[in-house]
Amino acid sequence: MDKQIRWLLKEKYNNKPTKQFYKDIERLNGDEPLDYVIGFTKFGAPPGSCKIDLSKKPLIPRPETEFWVKEAIKEIRVSSEFTPWRKFCHKHKIYKIRVLDIFSGSGCIGVAVLKHIKNSKVDFSDSDKNCLEQIKINLKINKIKENRFKAIQSDVFKNIKSKYDFIFANPPYVAVKNKNKIQKSVLKYEPKKALFGGGDGLFYIRKFLKQAKNYLNSGGVIFMEFSPEQKKQIEKLILKYKYKNYKFYKDQHKRWRWAGISNE
């Protein structure tokens, strides 16, 4: 806790304790996550390059997500070993890249894309109005021009009308049966609908993969996060829904964490 208090004092109070600082210590003592108490977190590619406000209490962006998003952005910007990505990037050097950030939450992924891929335009999609408000706050904080984004309230693809070159997806994927493995502070304070994906954690992933190919432009790619133990089941879903190319990647902890999926 001492480390958290020092971080709180530095990040939120510039090392100058106030009455509110001591109230915030009480919040930490009540197990409220540090990022909520501070009110924001850092996220991006490179890491920490975007400021993500958390005033509406969306799911707190995780370091594992930041890691794979950084890698995915790198794949978009330069050639890679995954042939469809290389062909796409070379073919569309001057093309305005259309991106969907689905299950957006705080909007951290789409904001990072907009800040680090200059010729990109991002649609943010989430079912929660509260999250859409949070996304707009974060776009303003990070000085993203209004003509580069759109916020859409949608249950998965229900209200999505466009096609995209890249789809970033961080769906709720925690299995309800694993609820007892989640930190108490996470269960108490973070939005459960952004965490849990049904009994096996694959409810939203199934819905997403079943439809996603219909929203990809030719040569487009899906980047999707998942829980490491779900890799085999996700591979079965990818094959079931007849995607033509896919590759799994590990996070900074050497655990399977994200996939690149293409229909070409």
C-alpha atoms as a PDB file:
ATOM      1  CA  MET A   1       0.000   0.000   0.000  1.00  0.00           C
ATOM      2  CA  ASP A   2       2.915   2.365   0.723  1.00  0.00           C
ATOM      3  CA  LYS A   3       3.944   2.129  -2.923  1.00  0.00           C
ATOM      4  CA  GLN A   4       0.412   2.959  -4.066  1.00  0.00           C
ATOM      5  CA  ILE A   5       0.249   5.946  -1.729  1.00  0.00           C
ATOM      6  CA  ARG A   6       3.538   7.277  -3.052  1.00  0.00           C
ATOM      7  CA  TRP A   7       2.283   6.864  -6.620  1.00  0.00           C
ATOM      8  CA  LEU A   8      -1.014   8.586  -5.771  1.00  0.00           C
ATOM      9  CA  LEU A   9       0.827  11.489  -4.165  1.00  0.00           C
ATOM     10  CA  LYS A  10       3.089  11.910  -7.178  1.00  0.00           C
ATOM     11  CA  GLU A  11       0.554  11.429  -9.980  1.00  0.00           C
ATOM     12  CA  LYS A  12      -2.491  13.218  -8.585  1.00  0.00           C
ATOM     13  CA  TYR A  13      -1.068  15.709  -6.100  1.00  0.00           C
ATOM     14  CA  ASN A  14       2.388  16.528  -7.489  1.00  0.00           C
ATOM     15  CA  ASN A  15       3.906  15.452  -4.170  1.00  0.00           C
ATOM     16  CA  LYS A  16       1.873  18.079  -2.269  1.00  0.00           C
ATOM     17  CA  PRO A  17      -0.560  16.348   0.140  1.00  0.00           C
ATOM     18  CA  THR A  18      -3.957  17.993   0.687  1.00  0.00           C
ATOM     19  CA  LYS A  19      -7.081  17.088   2.684  1.00  0.00           C
ATOM     20  CA  GLN A  20      -8.396  15.264  -0.361  1.00  0.00           C
ATOM     21  CA  PHE A  21      -5.196  13.228  -0.493  1.00  0.00           C
ATOM     22  CA  TYR A  22      -5.950  11.740   2.918  1.00  0.00           C
ATOM     23  CA  LYS A  23      -9.519  10.994   1.826  1.00  0.00           C
ATOM     24  CA  ASP A  24      -8.073   9.192  -1.178  1.00  0.00           C
ATOM     25  CA  ILE A  25      -5.925   7.079   1.128  1.00  0.00           C
ATOM     26  CA  GLU A  26      -9.160   5.952   2.787  1.00  0.00           C
ATOM     27  CA  ARG A  27     -10.458   4.927  -0.650  1.00  0.00           C
ATOM     28  CA  LEU A  28      -7.318   2.858  -1.199  1.00  0.00           C
ATOM     29  CA  ASN A  29      -7.761   1.278   2.230  1.00  0.00           C
ATOM     30  CA  GLY A  30     -11.242   0.268   1.082  1.00  0.00           C
ATOM     31  CA  ASP A  31      -9.663  -1.632  -1.844  1.00  0.00           C
ATOM     32  CA  GLU A  32     -10.736   0.837  -4.541  1.00  0.00           C
ATOM     33  CA  PRO A  33      -8.328   0.431  -7.478  1.00  0.00           C
ATOM     34  CA  LEU A  34      -5.509   2.973  -7.548  1.00  0.00           C
ATOM     35  CA  ASP A  35      -6.305   4.067 -11.106  1.00  0.00           C
ATOM     36  CA  TYR A  36      -9.857   5.041 -10.105  1.00  0.00           C
ATOM     37  CA  VAL A  37      -8.566   6.974  -7.107  1.00  0.00           C
ATOM     38  CA  ILE A  38      -6.032   8.844  -9.242  1.00  0.00           C
ATOM     39  CA  GLY A  39      -8.725   9.340 -11.892  1.00  0.00           C
ATOM     40  CA  PHE A  40      -6.737   8.347 -14.951  1.00  0.00           C
ATOM     41  CA  THR A  41      -4.123   5.954 -16.282  1.00  0.00           C
ATOM     42  CA  LYS A  42      -1.529   5.955 -19.045  1.00  0.00           C
ATOM     43  CA  PHE A  43      -1.813   3.801 -22.153  1.00  0.00           C
ATOM     44  CA  GLY A  44      -0.410   3.759 -25.646  1.00  0.00           C
ATOM     45  CA  ALA A  45       2.175   2.770 -28.213  1.00  0.00           C
ATOM     46  CA  PRO A  46       4.794   3.646 -27.029  1.00  0.00           C
ATOM     47  CA  PRO A  47       3.503   2.763 -23.534  1.00  0.00           C
ATOM     48  CA  GLY A  48       2.060   5.620 -21.525  1.00  0.00           C
ATOM     49  CA  SER A  49       1.786   8.023 -24.462  1.00  0.00           C
ATOM     50  CA  CYS A  50      -1.994   8.525 -24.067  1.00  0.00           C
ATOM     51  CA  LYS A  51      -3.788   9.822 -20.984  1.00  0.00           C
ATOM     52  CA  ILE A  52      -6.938   7.801 -20.308  1.00  0.00           C
ATOM     53  CA  ASP A  53      -9.485   9.415 -18.007  1.00  0.00           C
ATOM     54  CA  LEU A  54     -11.450   6.986 -15.814  1.00  0.00           C
ATOM     55  CA  SER A  55     -14.002   9.339 -14.275  1.00  0.00           C
ATOM     56  CA  LYS A  56     -16.942   7.280 -15.618  1.00  0.00           C
ATOM     57  CA  LYS A  57     -15.479   4.077 -14.103  1.00  0.00           C
ATOM     58  CA  PRO A  58     -14.978   1.995 -17.257  1.00  0.00           C
ATOM     59  CA  LEU A  59     -12.864  -1.147 -17.137  1.00  0.00           C
ATOM     60  CA  ILE A  60      -9.317  -0.122 -16.239  1.00  0.00           C
ATOM     61  CA  PRO A  61      -6.925  -0.704 -19.171  1.00  0.00           C
ATOM     62  CA  ARG A  62      -4.515  -3.548 -18.449  1.00  0.00           C
ATOM     63  CA  PRO A  63      -0.764  -3.669 -19.207  1.00  0.00           C
ATOM     64  CA  GLU A  64      -1.347  -6.839 -21.251  1.00  0.00           C
ATOM     65  CA  THR A  65      -3.760  -4.943 -23.496  1.00  0.00           C
ATOM     66  CA  GLU A  66      -1.321  -2.073 -23.884  1.00  0.00           C
ATOM     67  CA  PHE A  67       1.372  -4.573 -24.878  1.00  0.00           C
ATOM     68  CA  TRP A  68      -0.557  -6.266 -27.678  1.00  0.00           C
ATOM     69  CA  VAL A  69      -2.049  -3.022 -28.972  1.00  0.00           C
ATOM     70  CA  LYS A  70       1.473  -1.636 -29.272  1.00  0.00           C
ATOM     71  CA  GLU A  71       2.467  -4.734 -31.250  1.00  0.00           C
ATOM     72  CA  ALA A  72      -0.626  -4.553 -33.471  1.00  0.00           C
ATOM     73  CA  ILE A  73      -0.016  -0.883 -34.257  1.00  0.00           C
ATOM     74  CA  LYS A  74       3.542  -1.801 -35.166  1.00  0.00           C
ATOM     75  CA  GLU A  75       2.190  -4.469 -37.526  1.00  0.00           C
ATOM     76  CA  ILE A  76      -0.041  -1.929 -39.234  1.00  0.00           C
ATOM     77  CA  ARG A  77       2.744   0.614 -39.623  1.00  0.00           C
ATOM     78  CA  VAL A  78       5.441  -1.711 -40.921  1.00  0.00           C
ATOM     79  CA  SER A  79       5.616  -5.007 -42.769  1.00  0.00           C
ATOM     80  CA  SER A  80       5.371  -8.236 -40.797  1.00  0.00           C
ATOM     81  CA  GLU A  81       5.822 -11.981 -41.114  1.00  0.00           C
ATOM     82  CA  PHE A  82       2.056 -12.454 -41.407  1.00  0.00           C
ATOM     83  CA  THR A  83       1.600 -12.198 -45.190  1.00  0.00           C
ATOM     84  CA  PRO A  84      -1.923 -10.647 -45.362  1.00  0.00           C
ATOM     85  CA  TRP A  85      -0.819  -7.800 -43.080  1.00  0.00           C
ATOM     86  CA  ARG A  86       2.281  -7.111 -45.189  1.00  0.00           C
ATOM     87  CA  LYS A  87       0.313  -7.127 -48.441  1.00  0.00           C
ATOM     88  CA  PHE A  88      -2.352  -4.864 -46.977  1.00  0.00           C
ATOM     89  CA  CYS A  89       0.084  -2.331 -45.535  1.00  0.00           C
ATOM     90  CA  HIS A  90       2.105  -2.159 -48.745  1.00  0.00           C
ATOM     91  CA  LYS A  91      -0.968  -1.882 -50.900  1.00  0.00           C
ATOM     92  CA  HIS A  92      -2.494   0.951 -48.855  1.00  0.00           C
ATOM     93  CA  LYS A  93       0.468   3.192 -48.004  1.00  0.00           C
ATOM     94  CA  ILE A  94      -1.497   6.381 -48.615  1.00  0.00           C
ATOM     95  CA  TYR A  95      -4.903   4.885 -47.906  1.00  0.00           C
ATOM     96  CA  LYS A  96      -7.085   6.296 -45.132  1.00  0.00           C
ATOM     97  CA  ILE A  97      -7.131   3.343 -42.747  1.00  0.00           C
ATOM     98  CA  ARG A  98     -10.592   2.583 -41.343  1.00  0.00           C
ATOM     99  CA  VAL A  99     -10.559   1.015 -37.873  1.00  0.00           C
ATOM    100  CA  LEU A 100     -13.255  -0.323 -35.554  1.00  0.00           C
ATOM    101  CA  ASP A 101     -12.559  -0.411 -31.824  1.00  0.00           C
ATOM    102  CA  ILE A 102     -15.345  -2.713 -30.618  1.00  0.00           C
ATOM    103  CA  PHE A 103     -16.127  -3.372 -26.922  1.00  0.00           C
ATOM    104  CA  SER A 104     -14.373  -0.009 -26.528  1.00  0.00           C
ATOM    105  CA  GLY A 105     -14.807   0.642 -22.795  1.00  0.00           C
ATOM    106  CA  SER A 106     -12.585   3.631 -22.013  1.00  0.00           C
ATOM    107  CA  GLY A 107     -11.626   3.952 -25.670  1.00  0.00           C
ATOM    108  CA  CYS A 108      -7.958   3.405 -24.844  1.00  0.00           C
ATOM    109  CA  ILE A 109      -7.292   1.173 -27.874  1.00  0.00           C
ATOM    110  CA  GLY A 110      -8.855   3.465 -30.460  1.00  0.00           C
ATOM    111  CA  VAL A 111      -7.248   6.540 -28.926  1.00  0.00           C
ATOM    112  CA  ALA A 112      -3.827   4.864 -29.202  1.00  0.00           C
ATOM    113  CA  VAL A 113      -4.531   3.986 -32.844  1.00  0.00           C
ATOM    114  CA  LEU A 114      -5.554   7.564 -33.660  1.00  0.00           C
ATOM    115  CA  LYS A 115      -2.506   9.048 -31.942  1.00  0.00           C
ATOM    116  CA  HIS A 116       0.025   6.719 -33.526  1.00  0.00           C
ATOM    117  CA  ILE A 117      -1.384   6.006 -37.007  1.00  0.00           C
ATOM    118  CA  LYS A 118      -1.742   9.380 -38.672  1.00  0.00           C
ATOM    119  CA  ASN A 119      -3.865   8.260 -41.628  1.00  0.00           C
ATOM    120  CA  SER A 120      -6.408   6.400 -39.481  1.00  0.00           C
ATOM    121  CA  LYS A 121     -10.073   6.989 -38.743  1.00  0.00           C
ATOM    122  CA  VAL A 122     -11.706   5.072 -35.874  1.00  0.00           C
ATOM    123  CA  ASP A 123     -15.265   4.092 -35.043  1.00  0.00           C
ATOM    124  CA  PHE A 124     -15.710   3.308 -31.350  1.00  0.00           C
ATOM    125  CA  SER A 125     -18.444   0.861 -30.397  1.00  0.00           C
ATOM    126  CA  ASP A 126     -19.801  -0.081 -26.986  1.00  0.00           C
ATOM    127  CA  SER A 127     -23.207  -1.092 -25.630  1.00  0.00           C
ATOM    128  CA  ASP A 128     -22.868   1.179 -22.582  1.00  0.00           C
ATOM    129  CA  LYS A 129     -23.798   4.884 -22.917  1.00  0.00           C
ATOM    130  CA  ASN A 130     -21.554   5.628 -19.968  1.00  0.00           C
ATOM    131  CA  CYS A 131     -18.572   4.246 -21.882  1.00  0.00           C
ATOM    132  CA  LEU A 132     -19.430   6.316 -24.952  1.00  0.00           C
ATOM    133  CA  GLU A 133     -19.288   9.437 -22.767  1.00  0.00           C
ATOM    134  CA  GLN A 134     -15.949   8.271 -21.393  1.00  0.00           C
ATOM    135  CA  ILE A 135     -14.602   7.726 -24.902  1.00  0.00           C
ATOM    136  CA  LYS A 136     -15.502  11.281 -25.935  1.00  0.00           C
ATOM    137  CA  ILE A 137     -13.742  12.637 -22.841  1.00  0.00           C
ATOM    138  CA  ASN A 138     -10.596  10.711 -23.708  1.00  0.00           C
ATOM    139  CA  LEU A 139     -10.653  11.797 -27.341  1.00  0.00           C
ATOM    140  CA  LYS A 140     -10.813  15.414 -26.196  1.00  0.00           C
ATOM    141  CA  ILE A 141      -8.044  14.983 -23.623  1.00  0.00           C
ATOM    142  CA  ASN A 142      -5.794  13.464 -26.269  1.00  0.00           C
ATOM    143  CA  LYS A 143      -6.643  16.221 -28.765  1.00  0.00           C
ATOM    144  CA  ILE A 144      -8.122  14.010 -31.482  1.00  0.00           C
ATOM    145  CA  LYS A 145      -9.940  15.944 -34.203  1.00  0.00           C
ATOM    146  CA  GLU A 146     -13.680  15.260 -34.441  1.00  0.00           C
ATOM    147  CA  ASN A 147     -13.532  14.329 -38.132  1.00  0.00           C
ATOM    148  CA  ARG A 148     -11.360  11.301 -37.290  1.00  0.00           C
ATOM    149  CA  PHE A 149     -13.794   9.359 -35.093  1.00  0.00           C
ATOM    150  CA  LYS A 150     -17.372   8.280 -34.451  1.00  0.00           C
ATOM    151  CA  ALA A 151     -18.893   6.801 -31.271  1.00  0.00           C
ATOM    152  CA  ILE A 152     -21.617   4.182 -31.812  1.00  0.00           C
ATOM    153  CA  GLN A 153     -23.823   2.509 -29.213  1.00  0.00           C
ATOM    154  CA  SER A 154     -24.112  -1.096 -30.324  1.00  0.00           C
ATOM    155  CA  ASP A 155     -24.495  -4.607 -28.939  1.00  0.00           C
ATOM    156  CA  VAL A 156     -21.589  -6.255 -30.802  1.00  0.00           C
ATOM    157  CA  PHE A 157     -22.370  -5.518 -34.504  1.00  0.00           C
ATOM    158  CA  LYS A 158     -26.046  -4.619 -34.150  1.00  0.00           C
ATOM    159  CA  ASN A 159     -25.658  -0.941 -35.148  1.00  0.00           C
ATOM    160  CA  ILE A 160     -22.444  -1.223 -37.169  1.00  0.00           C
ATOM    161  CA  LYS A 161     -22.996  -0.373 -40.830  1.00  0.00           C
ATOM    162  CA  SER A 162     -19.479   0.090 -42.238  1.00  0.00           C
ATOM    163  CA  LYS A 163     -16.589  -2.160 -43.235  1.00  0.00           C
ATOM    164  CA  TYR A 164     -13.096  -1.772 -41.824  1.00  0.00           C
ATOM    165  CA  ASP A 165      -9.477  -2.417 -42.634  1.00  0.00           C
ATOM    166  CA  PHE A 166      -8.730  -3.372 -39.040  1.00  0.00           C
ATOM    167  CA  ILE A 167     -10.965  -4.394 -36.147  1.00  0.00           C
ATOM    168  CA  PHE A 168      -9.592  -4.237 -32.603  1.00  0.00           C
ATOM    169  CA  ALA A 169     -11.583  -6.294 -30.103  1.00  0.00           C
ATOM    170  CA  ASN A 170     -11.147  -6.696 -26.362  1.00  0.00           C
ATOM    171  CA  PRO A 171     -14.405  -8.471 -25.489  1.00  0.00           C
ATOM    172  CA  PRO A 172     -15.501  -9.536 -22.000  1.00  0.00           C
ATOM    173  CA  TYR A 173     -13.901 -12.978 -21.708  1.00  0.00           C
ATOM    174  CA  VAL A 174     -13.650 -13.963 -18.036  1.00  0.00           C
ATOM    175  CA  ALA A 175     -15.545 -17.208 -17.411  1.00  0.00           C
ATOM    176  CA  VAL A 176     -18.173 -16.915 -14.684  1.00  0.00           C
ATOM    177  CA  LYS A 177     -16.875 -20.217 -13.316  1.00  0.00           C
ATOM    178  CA  ASN A 178     -13.544 -18.448 -12.659  1.00  0.00           C
ATOM    179  CA  LYS A 179     -15.115 -15.627 -10.692  1.00  0.00           C
ATOM    180  CA  ASN A 180     -13.380 -16.726  -7.484  1.00  0.00           C
ATOM    181  CA  LYS A 181     -10.001 -16.134  -9.159  1.00  0.00           C
ATOM    182  CA  ILE A 182     -10.693 -12.437  -9.733  1.00  0.00           C
ATOM    183  CA  GLN A 183      -9.296  -9.892  -7.267  1.00  0.00           C
ATOM    184  CA  LYS A 184     -11.883  -8.679  -4.759  1.00  0.00           C
ATOM    185  CA  SER A 185     -11.211  -5.029  -5.643  1.00  0.00           C
ATOM    186  CA  VAL A 186     -11.912  -5.763  -9.326  1.00  0.00           C
ATOM    187  CA  LEU A 187     -15.210  -7.506  -8.541  1.00  0.00           C
ATOM    188  CA  LYS A 188     -16.248  -4.753  -6.157  1.00  0.00           C
ATOM    189  CA  TYR A 189     -15.443  -1.710  -8.279  1.00  0.00           C
ATOM    190  CA  GLU A 190     -15.022  -2.529 -11.978  1.00  0.00           C
ATOM    191  CA  PRO A 191     -17.989  -3.085 -14.351  1.00  0.00           C
ATOM    192  CA  LYS A 192     -18.893  -6.776 -14.357  1.00  0.00           C
ATOM    193  CA  LYS A 193     -20.394  -6.652 -17.844  1.00  0.00           C
ATOM    194  CA  ALA A 194     -16.971  -5.619 -19.162  1.00  0.00           C
ATOM    195  CA  LEU A 195     -15.370  -8.617 -17.441  1.00  0.00           C
ATOM    196  CA  PHE A 196     -17.571 -11.678 -17.798  1.00  0.00           C
ATOM    197  CA  GLY A 197     -18.316 -13.519 -21.020  1.00  0.00           C
ATOM    198  CA  GLY A 198     -20.752 -16.177 -19.838  1.00  0.00           C
ATOM    199  CA  GLY A 199     -20.109 -19.537 -18.220  1.00  0.00           C
ATOM    200  CA  ASP A 200     -17.023 -20.367 -20.295  1.00  0.00           C
ATOM    201  CA  GLY A 201     -16.029 -16.776 -21.081  1.00  0.00           C
ATOM    202  CA  LEU A 202     -16.665 -17.221 -24.819  1.00  0.00           C
ATOM    203  CA  PHE A 203     -20.187 -15.828 -25.163  1.00  0.00           C
ATOM    204  CA  TYR A 204     -19.125 -12.504 -26.745  1.00  0.00           C
ATOM    205  CA  ILE A 205     -16.165 -13.991 -28.583  1.00  0.00           C
ATOM    206  CA  ARG A 206     -18.519 -16.434 -30.342  1.00  0.00           C
ATOM    207  CA  LYS A 207     -20.918 -13.646 -31.339  1.00  0.00           C
ATOM    208  CA  PHE A 208     -18.038 -11.477 -32.476  1.00  0.00           C
ATOM    209  CA  LEU A 209     -16.199 -14.063 -34.579  1.00  0.00           C
ATOM    210  CA  LYS A 210     -19.409 -15.320 -36.176  1.00  0.00           C
ATOM    211  CA  GLN A 211     -20.096 -11.866 -37.641  1.00  0.00           C
ATOM    212  CA  ALA A 212     -16.775 -10.036 -37.825  1.00  0.00           C
ATOM    213  CA  LYS A 213     -15.719 -11.201 -41.310  1.00  0.00           C
ATOM    214  CA  ASN A 214     -18.781  -9.425 -42.735  1.00  0.00           C
ATOM    215  CA  TYR A 215     -17.352  -6.108 -41.509  1.00  0.00           C
ATOM    216  CA  LEU A 216     -13.841  -6.486 -42.941  1.00  0.00           C
ATOM    217  CA  ASN A 217     -12.636  -4.858 -46.133  1.00  0.00           C
ATOM    218  CA  SER A 218     -10.617  -6.971 -48.527  1.00  0.00           C
ATOM    219  CA  GLY A 219      -7.252  -7.697 -46.912  1.00  0.00           C
ATOM    220  CA  GLY A 220      -8.506  -6.560 -43.515  1.00  0.00           C
ATOM    221  CA  VAL A 221      -7.377  -8.006 -40.199  1.00  0.00           C
ATOM    222  CA  ILE A 222      -8.946  -8.623 -36.778  1.00  0.00           C
ATOM    223  CA  PHE A 223      -6.872  -8.182 -33.613  1.00  0.00           C
ATOM    224  CA  MET A 224      -8.557  -9.854 -30.640  1.00  0.00           C
ATOM    225  CA  GLU A 225      -7.632 -10.315 -26.979  1.00  0.00           C
ATOM    226  CA  PHE A 226      -8.537 -13.432 -25.009  1.00  0.00           C
ATOM    227  CA  SER A 227      -7.631 -15.365 -21.865  1.00  0.00           C
ATOM    228  CA  PRO A 228      -4.634 -17.723 -22.288  1.00  0.00           C
ATOM    229  CA  GLU A 229      -6.549 -20.916 -21.469  1.00  0.00           C
ATOM    230  CA  GLN A 230      -9.068 -20.149 -24.264  1.00  0.00           C
ATOM    231  CA  LYS A 231      -6.571 -20.512 -27.135  1.00  0.00           C
ATOM    232  CA  LYS A 232      -7.644 -23.991 -28.295  1.00  0.00           C
ATOM    233  CA  GLN A 233     -11.341 -23.141 -28.132  1.00  0.00           C
ATOM    234  CA  ILE A 234     -10.799 -19.925 -30.055  1.00  0.00           C
ATOM    235  CA  GLU A 235      -8.855 -21.758 -32.746  1.00  0.00           C
ATOM    236  CA  LYS A 236     -11.835 -24.094 -33.152  1.00  0.00           C
ATOM    237  CA  LEU A 237     -14.144 -21.075 -33.518  1.00  0.00           C
ATOM    238  CA  ILE A 238     -11.854 -19.474 -36.098  1.00  0.00           C
ATOM    239  CA  LEU A 239     -11.966 -22.660 -38.152  1.00  0.00           C
ATOM    240  CA  LYS A 240     -15.703 -23.112 -37.602  1.00  0.00           C
ATOM    241  CA  TYR A 241     -16.413 -19.658 -39.005  1.00  0.00           C
ATOM    242  CA  LYS A 242     -14.022 -20.323 -41.905  1.00  0.00           C
ATOM    243  CA  TYR A 243     -11.444 -17.592 -41.524  1.00  0.00           C
ATOM    244  CA  LYS A 244      -8.549 -18.291 -43.874  1.00  0.00           C
ATOM    245  CA  ASN A 245      -5.544 -17.005 -41.925  1.00  0.00           C
ATOM    246  CA  TYR A 246      -4.798 -16.596 -38.241  1.00  0.00           C
ATOM    247  CA  LYS A 247      -1.888 -16.406 -35.853  1.00  0.00           C
ATOM    248  CA  PHE A 248      -1.696 -16.426 -32.061  1.00  0.00           C
ATOM    249  CA  TYR A 249       0.639 -14.208 -30.056  1.00  0.00           C
ATOM    250  CA  LYS A 250       1.915 -14.078 -26.492  1.00  0.00           C
ATOM    251  CA  ASP A 251       1.935 -11.112 -24.126  1.00  0.00           C
ATOM    252  CA  GLN A 252       4.863  -9.706 -22.130  1.00  0.00           C
ATOM    253  CA  HIS A 253       4.448 -12.546 -19.630  1.00  0.00           C
ATOM    254  CA  LYS A 254       4.857 -15.184 -22.369  1.00  0.00           C
ATOM    255  CA  ARG A 255       1.206 -16.203 -22.142  1.00  0.00           C
ATOM    256  CA  TRP A 256      -1.128 -16.563 -25.136  1.00  0.00           C
ATOM    257  CA  ARG A 257      -3.079 -13.293 -25.199  1.00  0.00           C
ATOM    258  CA  TRP A 258      -4.116 -12.115 -28.669  1.00  0.00           C
ATOM    259  CA  ALA A 259      -4.759 -13.258 -32.201  1.00  0.00           C
ATOM    260  CA  GLY A 260      -4.461 -11.796 -35.677  1.00  0.00           C
ATOM    261  CA  ILE A 261      -7.232 -13.120 -37.912  1.00  0.00           C
ATOM    262  CA  SER A 262      -7.831 -12.533 -41.626  1.00  0.00           C
ATOM    263  CA  ASN A 263     -10.266 -13.807 -44.194  1.00  0.00           C
ATOM    264  CA  GLU A 264      -7.687 -13.696 -47.001  1.00  0.00           C
END
